[in-house]
């Protein structure tokens, strides 16, 4: 599912399982799992994408219905360059956010 925009995409599920270069189905499954059984101890699932020489992009989707987009200066998260909180996020909206970020279209 990698576009020409990013060298890699990593999905981390609500239970901490990482999938490298996830398919659309894997993204959707992770969001279904997140929203199926909300848990305060495991409140989110997220994707990180970028390249080894460029910025790191992250969108965390929370089972309580919002997402946080963060752009970091590099893969080491040295400096936070941008942060946006996105309200009213369900599984469908989360999938759209993730797919757009993978395609190089951040929400900010």
PDB file of N, CA and C in Angstrom:
ATOM      1  N   UNK A   1       0.820  -1.201   0.000  1.00  0.00           N
ATOM      2  CA  UNK A   1       0.000   0.000   0.000  1.00  0.00           C
ATOM      3  C   UNK A   1       0.858   1.257   0.000  1.00  0.00           C
ATOM      4  N   UNK A   2       2.141   1.132  -0.120  1.00  0.00           N
ATOM      5  CA  UNK A   2       3.021   2.294  -0.097  1.00  0.00           C
ATOM      6  C   UNK A   2       2.865   3.081  -1.387  1.00  0.00           C
ATOM      7  N   UNK A   3       2.724   4.371  -1.215  1.00  0.00           N
ATOM      8  CA  UNK A   3       2.684   5.246  -2.381  1.00  0.00           C
ATOM      9  C   UNK A   3       4.105   5.749  -2.609  1.00  0.00           C
ATOM     10  N   UNK A   4       4.307   6.526  -3.624  1.00  0.00           N
ATOM     11  CA  UNK A   4       5.610   7.105  -3.871  1.00  0.00           C
ATOM     12  C   UNK A   4       5.984   8.183  -2.875  1.00  0.00           C
ATOM     13  N   UNK A   5       5.052   8.546  -2.003  1.00  0.00           N
ATOM     14  CA  UNK A   5       5.260   9.631  -1.060  1.00  0.00           C
ATOM     15  C   UNK A   5       6.137   9.207   0.120  1.00  0.00           C
ATOM     16  N   UNK A   6       5.938   8.012   0.630  1.00  0.00           N
ATOM     17  CA  UNK A   6       6.643   7.539   1.821  1.00  0.00           C
ATOM     18  C   UNK A   6       7.439   6.270   1.503  1.00  0.00           C
ATOM     19  N   UNK A   7       8.580   6.129   2.165  1.00  0.00           N
ATOM     20  CA  UNK A   7       9.365   4.904   2.012  1.00  0.00           C
ATOM     21  C   UNK A   7       8.710   3.751   2.755  1.00  0.00           C
ATOM     22  N   UNK A   8       8.013   4.058   3.853  1.00  0.00           N
ATOM     23  CA  UNK A   8       7.410   3.006   4.673  1.00  0.00           C
ATOM     24  C   UNK A   8       6.206   3.532   5.435  1.00  0.00           C
ATOM     25  N   UNK A   9       5.338   2.595   5.811  1.00  0.00           N
ATOM     26  CA  UNK A   9       4.171   2.875   6.654  1.00  0.00           C
ATOM     27  C   UNK A   9       4.101   1.746   7.673  1.00  0.00           C
ATOM     28  N   UNK A  10       3.934   2.103   8.933  1.00  0.00           N
ATOM     29  CA  UNK A  10       3.765   1.124  10.002  1.00  0.00           C
ATOM     30  C   UNK A  10       2.437   1.372  10.702  1.00  0.00           C
ATOM     31  N   UNK A  11       1.669   0.314  10.852  1.00  0.00           N
ATOM     32  CA  UNK A  11       0.405   0.343  11.586  1.00  0.00           C
ATOM     33  C   UNK A  11       0.635  -0.331  12.933  1.00  0.00           C
ATOM     34  N   UNK A  12       0.208   0.310  14.010  1.00  0.00           N
ATOM     35  CA  UNK A  12       0.243  -0.309  15.332  1.00  0.00           C
ATOM     36  C   UNK A  12      -1.187  -0.419  15.823  1.00  0.00           C
ATOM     37  N   UNK A  13      -1.612  -1.650  16.094  1.00  0.00           N
ATOM     38  CA  UNK A  13      -2.990  -1.904  16.503  1.00  0.00           C
ATOM     39  C   UNK A  13      -3.196  -1.543  17.970  1.00  0.00           C
ATOM     40  N   UNK A  14      -4.435  -1.578  18.386  1.00  0.00           N
ATOM     41  CA  UNK A  14      -4.809  -1.257  19.758  1.00  0.00           C
ATOM     42  C   UNK A  14      -4.075  -2.137  20.768  1.00  0.00           C
ATOM     43  N   UNK A  15      -3.704  -3.342  20.380  1.00  0.00           N
ATOM     44  CA  UNK A  15      -2.986  -4.243  21.280  1.00  0.00           C
ATOM     45  C   UNK A  15      -1.472  -4.219  21.071  1.00  0.00           C
ATOM     46  N   UNK A  16      -0.998  -3.269  20.258  1.00  0.00           N
ATOM     47  CA  UNK A  16       0.431  -3.079  20.084  1.00  0.00           C
ATOM     48  C   UNK A  16       1.087  -3.913  19.007  1.00  0.00           C
ATOM     49  N   UNK A  17       0.294  -4.598  18.192  1.00  0.00           N
ATOM     50  CA  UNK A  17       0.856  -5.391  17.099  1.00  0.00           C
ATOM     51  C   UNK A  17       1.181  -4.471  15.922  1.00  0.00           C
ATOM     52  N   UNK A  18       2.380  -4.618  15.376  1.00  0.00           N
ATOM     53  CA  UNK A  18       2.811  -3.762  14.278  1.00  0.00           C
ATOM     54  C   UNK A  18       2.727  -4.509  12.955  1.00  0.00           C
ATOM     55  N   UNK A  19       2.171  -3.824  11.960  1.00  0.00           N
ATOM     56  CA  UNK A  19       2.097  -4.344  10.594  1.00  0.00           C
ATOM     57  C   UNK A  19       2.842  -3.362   9.703  1.00  0.00           C
ATOM     58  N   UNK A  20       3.813  -3.859   8.966  1.00  0.00           N
ATOM     59  CA  UNK A  20       4.591  -3.025   8.060  1.00  0.00           C
ATOM     60  C   UNK A  20       3.888  -2.982   6.709  1.00  0.00           C
ATOM     61  N   UNK A  21       3.741  -1.778   6.170  1.00  0.00           N
ATOM     62  CA  UNK A  21       3.097  -1.556   4.874  1.00  0.00           C
ATOM     63  C   UNK A  21       1.724  -2.229   4.807  1.00  0.00           C
ATOM     64  N   UNK A  22       0.805  -1.838   5.704  1.00  0.00           N
ATOM     65  CA  UNK A  22      -0.508  -2.494   5.784  1.00  0.00           C
ATOM     66  C   UNK A  22      -1.367  -2.252   4.547  1.00  0.00           C
ATOM     67  N   UNK A  23      -2.233  -3.221   4.283  1.00  0.00           N
ATOM     68  CA  UNK A  23      -3.223  -3.075   3.214  1.00  0.00           C
ATOM     69  C   UNK A  23      -4.413  -2.274   3.753  1.00  0.00           C
ATOM     70  N   UNK A  24      -5.289  -1.864   2.865  1.00  0.00           N
ATOM     71  CA  UNK A  24      -6.497  -1.157   3.281  1.00  0.00           C
ATOM     72  C   UNK A  24      -7.312  -2.030   4.235  1.00  0.00           C
ATOM     73  N   UNK A  25      -7.389  -3.323   3.967  1.00  0.00           N
ATOM     74  CA  UNK A  25      -8.143  -4.240   4.818  1.00  0.00           C
ATOM     75  C   UNK A  25      -7.531  -4.319   6.210  1.00  0.00           C
ATOM     76  N   UNK A  26      -6.205  -4.331   6.297  1.00  0.00           N
ATOM     77  CA  UNK A  26      -5.547  -4.366   7.598  1.00  0.00           C
ATOM     78  C   UNK A  26      -5.782  -3.078   8.382  1.00  0.00           C
ATOM     79  N   UNK A  27      -5.795  -1.951   7.697  1.00  0.00           N
ATOM     80  CA  UNK A  27      -6.112  -0.682   8.352  1.00  0.00           C
ATOM     81  C   UNK A  27      -7.538  -0.713   8.901  1.00  0.00           C
ATOM     82  N   UNK A  28      -8.477  -1.145   8.066  1.00  0.00           N
ATOM     83  CA  UNK A  28      -9.885  -1.206   8.474  1.00  0.00           C
ATOM     84  C   UNK A  28     -10.083  -2.184   9.633  1.00  0.00           C
ATOM     85  N   UNK A  29      -9.414  -3.327   9.587  1.00  0.00           N
ATOM     86  CA  UNK A  29      -9.508  -4.308  10.673  1.00  0.00           C
ATOM     87  C   UNK A  29      -9.002  -3.723  11.986  1.00  0.00           C
ATOM     88  N   UNK A  30      -7.899  -2.990  11.933  1.00  0.00           N
ATOM     89  CA  UNK A  30      -7.340  -2.382  13.147  1.00  0.00           C
ATOM     90  C   UNK A  30      -8.314  -1.377  13.754  1.00  0.00           C
ATOM     91  N   UNK A  31      -9.004  -0.641  12.917  1.00  0.00           N
ATOM     92  CA  UNK A  31      -9.974   0.337  13.419  1.00  0.00           C
ATOM     93  C   UNK A  31     -11.222  -0.347  13.967  1.00  0.00           C
ATOM     94  N   UNK A  32     -11.678  -1.401  13.304  1.00  0.00           N
ATOM     95  CA  UNK A  32     -12.825  -2.165  13.839  1.00  0.00           C
ATOM     96  C   UNK A  32     -12.492  -2.719  15.218  1.00  0.00           C
ATOM     97  N   UNK A  33     -11.295  -3.262  15.356  1.00  0.00           N
ATOM     98  CA  UNK A  33     -10.848  -3.808  16.636  1.00  0.00           C
ATOM     99  C   UNK A  33     -10.791  -2.713  17.712  1.00  0.00           C
ATOM    100  N   UNK A  34     -10.304  -1.541  17.336  1.00  0.00           N
ATOM    101  CA  UNK A  34     -10.203  -0.409  18.260  1.00  0.00           C
ATOM    102  C   UNK A  34     -11.569   0.004  18.794  1.00  0.00           C
ATOM    103  N   UNK A  35     -12.538   0.158  17.888  1.00  0.00           N
ATOM    104  CA  UNK A  35     -13.854   0.667  18.284  1.00  0.00           C
ATOM    105  C   UNK A  35     -14.785  -0.414  18.834  1.00  0.00           C
ATOM    106  N   UNK A  36     -14.468  -1.684  18.611  1.00  0.00           N
ATOM    107  CA  UNK A  36     -15.342  -2.777  19.063  1.00  0.00           C
ATOM    108  C   UNK A  36     -15.389  -2.889  20.582  1.00  0.00           C
ATOM    109  N   UNK A  37     -14.262  -2.711  21.234  1.00  0.00           N
ATOM    110  CA  UNK A  37     -14.179  -2.864  22.694  1.00  0.00           C
ATOM    111  C   UNK A  37     -13.326  -1.750  23.279  1.00  0.00           C
ATOM    112  N   UNK A  38     -13.874  -0.546  23.412  1.00  0.00           N
ATOM    113  CA  UNK A  38     -13.086   0.560  23.962  1.00  0.00           C
ATOM    114  C   UNK A  38     -12.462   0.176  25.304  1.00  0.00           C
ATOM    115  N   UNK A  39     -11.213   0.570  25.482  1.00  0.00           N
ATOM    116  CA  UNK A  39     -10.447   0.171  26.660  1.00  0.00           C
ATOM    117  C   UNK A  39      -9.549   1.336  27.066  1.00  0.00           C
ATOM    118  N   UNK A  40      -9.692   1.807  28.316  1.00  0.00           N
ATOM    119  CA  UNK A  40      -8.885   2.933  28.778  1.00  0.00           C
ATOM    120  C   UNK A  40      -7.391   2.613  28.792  1.00  0.00           C
ATOM    121  N   UNK A  41      -7.053   1.342  28.972  1.00  0.00           N
ATOM    122  CA  UNK A  41      -5.649   0.946  29.025  1.00  0.00           C
ATOM    123  C   UNK A  41      -5.013   0.922  27.635  1.00  0.00           C
ATOM    124  N   UNK A  42      -5.824   0.655  26.612  1.00  0.00           N
ATOM    125  CA  UNK A  42      -5.366   0.618  25.220  1.00  0.00           C
ATOM    126  C   UNK A  42      -6.311   1.493  24.398  1.00  0.00           C
ATOM    127  N   UNK A  43      -6.129   2.827  24.460  1.00  0.00           N
ATOM    128  CA  UNK A  43      -7.131   3.726  23.875  1.00  0.00           C
ATOM    129  C   UNK A  43      -6.985   4.045  22.402  1.00  0.00           C
ATOM    130  N   UNK A  44      -5.870   3.629  21.755  1.00  0.00           N
ATOM    131  CA  UNK A  44      -5.669   4.081  20.381  1.00  0.00           C
ATOM    132  C   UNK A  44      -4.937   3.060  19.519  1.00  0.00           C
ATOM    133  N   UNK A  45      -5.005   3.328  18.231  1.00  0.00           N
ATOM    134  CA  UNK A  45      -4.238   2.626  17.207  1.00  0.00           C
ATOM    135  C   UNK A  45      -3.665   3.731  16.321  1.00  0.00           C
ATOM    136  N   UNK A  46      -2.530   3.470  15.654  1.00  0.00           N
ATOM    137  CA  UNK A  46      -1.916   4.552  14.902  1.00  0.00           C
ATOM    138  C   UNK A  46      -1.096   4.043  13.725  1.00  0.00           C
ATOM    139  N   UNK A  47      -0.833   5.001  12.834  1.00  0.00           N
ATOM    140  CA  UNK A  47       0.120   4.751  11.754  1.00  0.00           C
ATOM    141  C   UNK A  47       1.230   5.788  11.850  1.00  0.00           C
ATOM    142  N   UNK A  48       2.429   5.353  11.503  1.00  0.00           N
ATOM    143  CA  UNK A  48       3.591   6.211  11.309  1.00  0.00           C
ATOM    144  C   UNK A  48       4.018   6.013   9.869  1.00  0.00           C
ATOM    145  N   UNK A  49       4.375   7.086   9.208  1.00  0.00           N
ATOM    146  CA  UNK A  49       4.894   6.943   7.855  1.00  0.00           C
ATOM    147  C   UNK A  49       5.923   8.023   7.582  1.00  0.00           C
ATOM    148  N   UNK A  50       6.801   7.727   6.651  1.00  0.00           N
ATOM    149  CA  UNK A  50       7.832   8.677   6.302  1.00  0.00           C
ATOM    150  C   UNK A  50       8.961   8.015   5.553  1.00  0.00           C
ATOM    151  N   UNK A  51      10.131   8.626   5.700  1.00  0.00           N
ATOM    152  CA  UNK A  51      11.347   8.085   5.102  1.00  0.00           C
ATOM    153  C   UNK A  51      12.476   8.288   6.093  1.00  0.00           C
ATOM    154  N   UNK A  52      13.533   7.553   5.921  1.00  0.00           N
ATOM    155  CA  UNK A  52      14.645   7.635   6.869  1.00  0.00           C
ATOM    156  C   UNK A  52      15.304   9.009   6.877  1.00  0.00           C
ATOM    157  N   UNK A  53      15.211   9.745   5.786  1.00  0.00           N
ATOM    158  CA  UNK A  53      15.866  11.055   5.689  1.00  0.00           C
ATOM    159  C   UNK A  53      14.896  12.226   5.776  1.00  0.00           C
ATOM    160  N   UNK A  54      13.618  11.973   6.034  1.00  0.00           N
ATOM    161  CA  UNK A  54      12.647  13.056   6.042  1.00  0.00           C
ATOM    162  C   UNK A  54      11.852  13.094   7.320  1.00  0.00           C
ATOM    163  N   UNK A  55      10.769  13.844   7.304  1.00  0.00           N
ATOM    164  CA  UNK A  55       9.929  13.931   8.495  1.00  0.00           C
ATOM    165  C   UNK A  55       9.151  12.637   8.744  1.00  0.00           C
ATOM    166  N   UNK A  56       8.678  12.498   9.963  1.00  0.00           N
ATOM    167  CA  UNK A  56       7.826  11.383  10.372  1.00  0.00           C
ATOM    168  C   UNK A  56       6.421  11.925  10.566  1.00  0.00           C
ATOM    169  N   UNK A  57       5.440  11.231  10.011  1.00  0.00           N
ATOM    170  CA  UNK A  57       4.037  11.617  10.139  1.00  0.00           C
ATOM    171  C   UNK A  57       3.316  10.545  10.944  1.00  0.00           C
ATOM    172  N   UNK A  58       2.416  10.964  11.824  1.00  0.00           N
ATOM    173  CA  UNK A  58       1.688  10.033  12.676  1.00  0.00           C
ATOM    174  C   UNK A  58       0.235  10.479  12.793  1.00  0.00           C
ATOM    175  N   UNK A  59      -0.681   9.511  12.734  1.00  0.00           N
ATOM    176  CA  UNK A  59      -2.074   9.764  13.116  1.00  0.00           C
ATOM    177  C   UNK A  59      -2.481   8.663  14.068  1.00  0.00           C
ATOM    178  N   UNK A  60      -2.824   9.080  15.294  1.00  0.00           N
ATOM    179  CA  UNK A  60      -3.364   8.182  16.306  1.00  0.00           C
ATOM    180  C   UNK A  60      -4.872   8.382  16.351  1.00  0.00           C
ATOM    181  N   UNK A  61      -5.613   7.274  16.257  1.00  0.00           N
ATOM    182  CA  UNK A  61      -7.072   7.307  16.343  1.00  0.00           C
ATOM    183  C   UNK A  61      -7.453   6.719  17.694  1.00  0.00           C
ATOM    184  N   UNK A  62      -8.286   7.429  18.434  1.00  0.00           N
ATOM    185  CA  UNK A  62      -8.684   7.029  19.778  1.00  0.00           C
ATOM    186  C   UNK A  62     -10.117   6.518  19.785  1.00  0.00           C
ATOM    187  N   UNK A  63     -10.343   5.454  20.557  1.00  0.00           N
ATOM    188  CA  UNK A  63     -11.673   4.833  20.623  1.00  0.00           C
ATOM    189  C   UNK A  63     -12.720   5.767  21.212  1.00  0.00           C
ATOM    190  N   UNK A  64     -12.296   6.819  21.876  1.00  0.00           N
ATOM    191  CA  UNK A  64     -13.247   7.781  22.425  1.00  0.00           C
ATOM    192  C   UNK A  64     -13.724   8.793  21.387  1.00  0.00           C
ATOM    193  N   UNK A  65     -13.262   8.661  20.132  1.00  0.00           N
ATOM    194  CA  UNK A  65     -13.847   9.443  19.048  1.00  0.00           C
ATOM    195  C   UNK A  65     -13.082  10.656  18.563  1.00  0.00           C
ATOM    196  N   UNK A  66     -11.772  10.637  18.642  1.00  0.00           N
ATOM    197  CA  UNK A  66     -10.980  11.715  18.059  1.00  0.00           C
ATOM    198  C   UNK A  66      -9.662  11.140  17.551  1.00  0.00           C
ATOM    199  N   UNK A  67      -8.911  11.966  16.840  1.00  0.00           N
ATOM    200  CA  UNK A  67      -7.603  11.565  16.332  1.00  0.00           C
ATOM    201  C   UNK A  67      -6.626  12.705  16.557  1.00  0.00           C
ATOM    202  N   UNK A  68      -5.348  12.363  16.592  1.00  0.00           N
ATOM    203  CA  UNK A  68      -4.297  13.370  16.697  1.00  0.00           C
ATOM    204  C   UNK A  68      -3.304  13.125  15.563  1.00  0.00           C
ATOM    205  N   UNK A  69      -3.102  14.164  14.755  1.00  0.00           N
ATOM    206  CA  UNK A  69      -2.095  14.150  13.697  1.00  0.00           C
ATOM    207  C   UNK A  69      -0.864  14.877  14.219  1.00  0.00           C
ATOM    208  N   UNK A  70       0.303  14.269  14.045  1.00  0.00           N
ATOM    209  CA  UNK A  70       1.552  14.915  14.450  1.00  0.00           C
ATOM    210  C   UNK A  70       2.583  14.735  13.347  1.00  0.00           C
ATOM    211  N   UNK A  71       3.279  15.815  13.053  1.00  0.00           N
ATOM    212  CA  UNK A  71       4.409  15.777  12.125  1.00  0.00           C
ATOM    213  C   UNK A  71       5.660  16.077  12.931  1.00  0.00           C
ATOM    214  N   UNK A  72       6.650  15.177  12.826  1.00  0.00           N
ATOM    215  CA  UNK A  72       7.918  15.334  13.523  1.00  0.00           C
ATOM    216  C   UNK A  72       9.024  15.661  12.523  1.00  0.00           C
ATOM    217  N   UNK A  73      10.079  16.270  13.004  1.00  0.00           N
ATOM    218  CA  UNK A  73      11.179  16.678  12.126  1.00  0.00           C
ATOM    219  C   UNK A  73      11.912  15.492  11.505  1.00  0.00           C
ATOM    220  N   UNK A  74      11.919  14.354  12.220  1.00  0.00           N
ATOM    221  CA  UNK A  74      12.644  13.185  11.725  1.00  0.00           C
ATOM    222  C   UNK A  74      12.114  11.928  12.398  1.00  0.00           C
ATOM    223  N   UNK A  75      12.648  10.771  12.009  1.00  0.00           N
ATOM    224  CA  UNK A  75      12.161   9.501  12.541  1.00  0.00           C
ATOM    225  C   UNK A  75      12.450   9.327  14.025  1.00  0.00           C
ATOM    226  N   UNK A  76      13.375  10.115  14.567  1.00  0.00           N
ATOM    227  CA  UNK A  76      13.669  10.064  15.999  1.00  0.00           C
ATOM    228  C   UNK A  76      12.742  10.954  16.822  1.00  0.00           C
ATOM    229  N   UNK A  77      11.805  11.625  16.145  1.00  0.00           N
ATOM    230  CA  UNK A  77      10.852  12.526  16.798  1.00  0.00           C
ATOM    231  C   UNK A  77      11.572  13.626  17.581  1.00  0.00           C
ATOM    232  N   UNK A  78      12.653  14.131  17.002  1.00  0.00           N
ATOM    233  CA  UNK A  78      13.474  15.150  17.649  1.00  0.00           C
ATOM    234  C   UNK A  78      12.675  16.410  17.958  1.00  0.00           C
ATOM    235  N   UNK A  79      11.894  16.855  16.994  1.00  0.00           N
ATOM    236  CA  UNK A  79      11.119  18.081  17.170  1.00  0.00           C
ATOM    237  C   UNK A  79       9.718  17.886  16.604  1.00  0.00           C
ATOM    238  N   UNK A  80       8.721  18.292  17.385  1.00  0.00           N
ATOM    239  CA  UNK A  80       7.327  18.247  16.930  1.00  0.00           C
ATOM    240  C   UNK A  80       7.082  19.505  16.100  1.00  0.00           C
ATOM    241  N   UNK A  81       6.763  19.336  14.828  1.00  0.00           N
ATOM    242  CA  UNK A  81       6.581  20.475  13.939  1.00  0.00           C
ATOM    243  C   UNK A  81       5.127  20.919  13.835  1.00  0.00           C
ATOM    244  N   UNK A  82       4.212  19.969  14.011  1.00  0.00           N
ATOM    245  CA  UNK A  82       2.797  20.260  13.803  1.00  0.00           C
ATOM    246  C   UNK A  82       1.964  19.247  14.581  1.00  0.00           C
ATOM    247  N   UNK A  83       0.900  19.725  15.224  1.00  0.00           N
ATOM    248  CA  UNK A  83      -0.032  18.830  15.901  1.00  0.00           C
ATOM    249  C   UNK A  83      -1.439  19.360  15.689  1.00  0.00           C
ATOM    250  N   UNK A  84      -2.336  18.455  15.290  1.00  0.00           N
ATOM    251  CA  UNK A  84      -3.729  18.827  15.064  1.00  0.00           C
ATOM    252  C   UNK A  84      -4.610  17.766  15.713  1.00  0.00           C
ATOM    253  N   UNK A  85      -5.566  18.199  16.528  1.00  0.00           N
ATOM    254  CA  UNK A  85      -6.559  17.283  17.096  1.00  0.00           C
ATOM    255  C   UNK A  85      -7.790  17.322  16.202  1.00  0.00           C
ATOM    256  N   UNK A  86      -8.277  16.159  15.827  1.00  0.00           N
ATOM    257  CA  UNK A  86      -9.400  16.033  14.902  1.00  0.00           C
ATOM    258  C   UNK A  86     -10.574  15.412  15.668  1.00  0.00           C
ATOM    259  N   UNK A  87     -11.667  16.153  15.833  1.00  0.00           N
ATOM    260  CA  UNK A  87     -12.813  15.636  16.582  1.00  0.00           C
ATOM    261  C   UNK A  87     -13.712  14.748  15.730  1.00  0.00           C
ATOM    262  N   UNK A  88     -14.633  14.062  16.393  1.00  0.00           N
ATOM    263  CA  UNK A  88     -15.695  13.283  15.734  1.00  0.00           C
ATOM    264  C   UNK A  88     -15.153  12.236  14.764  1.00  0.00           C
ATOM    265  N   UNK A  89     -14.261  11.390  15.252  1.00  0.00           N
ATOM    266  CA  UNK A  89     -13.656  10.365  14.409  1.00  0.00           C
ATOM    267  C   UNK A  89     -14.204   8.996  14.799  1.00  0.00           C
ATOM    268  N   UNK A  90     -14.776   8.309  13.817  1.00  0.00           N
ATOM    269  CA  UNK A  90     -15.198   6.919  13.983  1.00  0.00           C
ATOM    270  C   UNK A  90     -14.308   6.064  13.081  1.00  0.00           C
ATOM    271  N   UNK A  91     -14.630   4.789  12.942  1.00  0.00           N
ATOM    272  CA  UNK A  91     -13.787   3.899  12.146  1.00  0.00           C
ATOM    273  C   UNK A  91     -13.675   4.362  10.690  1.00  0.00           C
ATOM    274  N   UNK A  92     -14.783   4.784  10.095  1.00  0.00           N
ATOM    275  CA  UNK A  92     -14.748   5.228   8.696  1.00  0.00           C
ATOM    276  C   UNK A  92     -13.904   6.490   8.530  1.00  0.00           C
ATOM    277  N   UNK A  93     -14.071   7.441   9.431  1.00  0.00           N
ATOM    278  CA  UNK A  93     -13.288   8.678   9.365  1.00  0.00           C
ATOM    279  C   UNK A  93     -11.817   8.392   9.626  1.00  0.00           C
ATOM    280  N   UNK A  94     -11.536   7.489  10.562  1.00  0.00           N
ATOM    281  CA  UNK A  94     -10.156   7.118  10.848  1.00  0.00           C
ATOM    282  C   UNK A  94      -9.479   6.489   9.637  1.00  0.00           C
ATOM    283  N   UNK A  95     -10.208   5.613   8.951  1.00  0.00           N
ATOM    284  CA  UNK A  95      -9.664   4.978   7.752  1.00  0.00           C
ATOM    285  C   UNK A  95      -9.353   6.027   6.693  1.00  0.00           C
ATOM    286  N   UNK A  96     -10.250   6.980   6.504  1.00  0.00           N
ATOM    287  CA  UNK A  96     -10.016   8.046   5.528  1.00  0.00           C
ATOM    288  C   UNK A  96      -8.790   8.875   5.910  1.00  0.00           C
ATOM    289  N   UNK A  97      -8.658   9.206   7.196  1.00  0.00           N
ATOM    290  CA  UNK A  97      -7.488   9.965   7.651  1.00  0.00           C
ATOM    291  C   UNK A  97      -6.204   9.209   7.369  1.00  0.00           C
ATOM    292  N   UNK A  98      -6.186   7.921   7.717  1.00  0.00           N
ATOM    293  CA  UNK A  98      -4.985   7.115   7.490  1.00  0.00           C
ATOM    294  C   UNK A  98      -4.658   7.002   6.009  1.00  0.00           C
ATOM    295  N   UNK A  99      -5.668   6.718   5.185  1.00  0.00           N
ATOM    296  CA  UNK A  99      -5.416   6.568   3.749  1.00  0.00           C
ATOM    297  C   UNK A  99      -4.924   7.878   3.135  1.00  0.00           C
ATOM    298  N   UNK A 100      -5.506   8.991   3.565  1.00  0.00           N
ATOM    299  CA  UNK A 100      -5.052  10.282   3.047  1.00  0.00           C
ATOM    300  C   UNK A 100      -3.608  10.564   3.451  1.00  0.00           C
ATOM    301  N   UNK A 101      -3.248  10.260   4.694  1.00  0.00           N
ATOM    302  CA  UNK A 101      -1.877  10.493   5.138  1.00  0.00           C
ATOM    303  C   UNK A 101      -0.907   9.620   4.335  1.00  0.00           C
ATOM    304  N   UNK A 102      -1.262   8.374   4.134  1.00  0.00           N
ATOM    305  CA  UNK A 102      -0.409   7.469   3.346  1.00  0.00           C
ATOM    306  C   UNK A 102      -0.230   8.007   1.926  1.00  0.00           C
ATOM    307  N   UNK A 103      -1.288   8.635   1.391  1.00  0.00           N
ATOM    308  CA  UNK A 103      -1.235   9.210   0.045  1.00  0.00           C
ATOM    309  C   UNK A 103      -0.543  10.569   0.003  1.00  0.00           C
ATOM    310  N   UNK A 104      -0.063  11.048   1.171  1.00  0.00           N
ATOM    311  CA  UNK A 104       0.651  12.319   1.213  1.00  0.00           C
ATOM    312  C   UNK A 104      -0.228  13.515   1.451  1.00  0.00           C
ATOM    313  N   UNK A 105      -1.452  13.289   1.968  1.00  0.00           N
ATOM    314  CA  UNK A 105      -2.390  14.388   2.220  1.00  0.00           C
ATOM    315  C   UNK A 105      -2.701  14.448   3.712  1.00  0.00           C
ATOM    316  N   UNK A 106      -1.846  15.137   4.496  1.00  0.00           N
ATOM    317  CA  UNK A 106      -2.106  15.259   5.927  1.00  0.00           C
ATOM    318  C   UNK A 106      -3.334  16.139   6.192  1.00  0.00           C
ATOM    319  N   UNK A 107      -3.946  15.984   7.363  1.00  0.00           N
ATOM    320  CA  UNK A 107      -5.160  16.739   7.650  1.00  0.00           C
ATOM    321  C   UNK A 107      -4.936  18.208   7.957  1.00  0.00           C
ATOM    322  N   UNK A 108      -3.711  18.612   8.162  1.00  0.00           N
ATOM    323  CA  UNK A 108      -3.448  20.015   8.540  1.00  0.00           C
ATOM    324  C   UNK A 108      -3.341  20.918   7.337  1.00  0.00           C
TER     325      UNK A 108
END
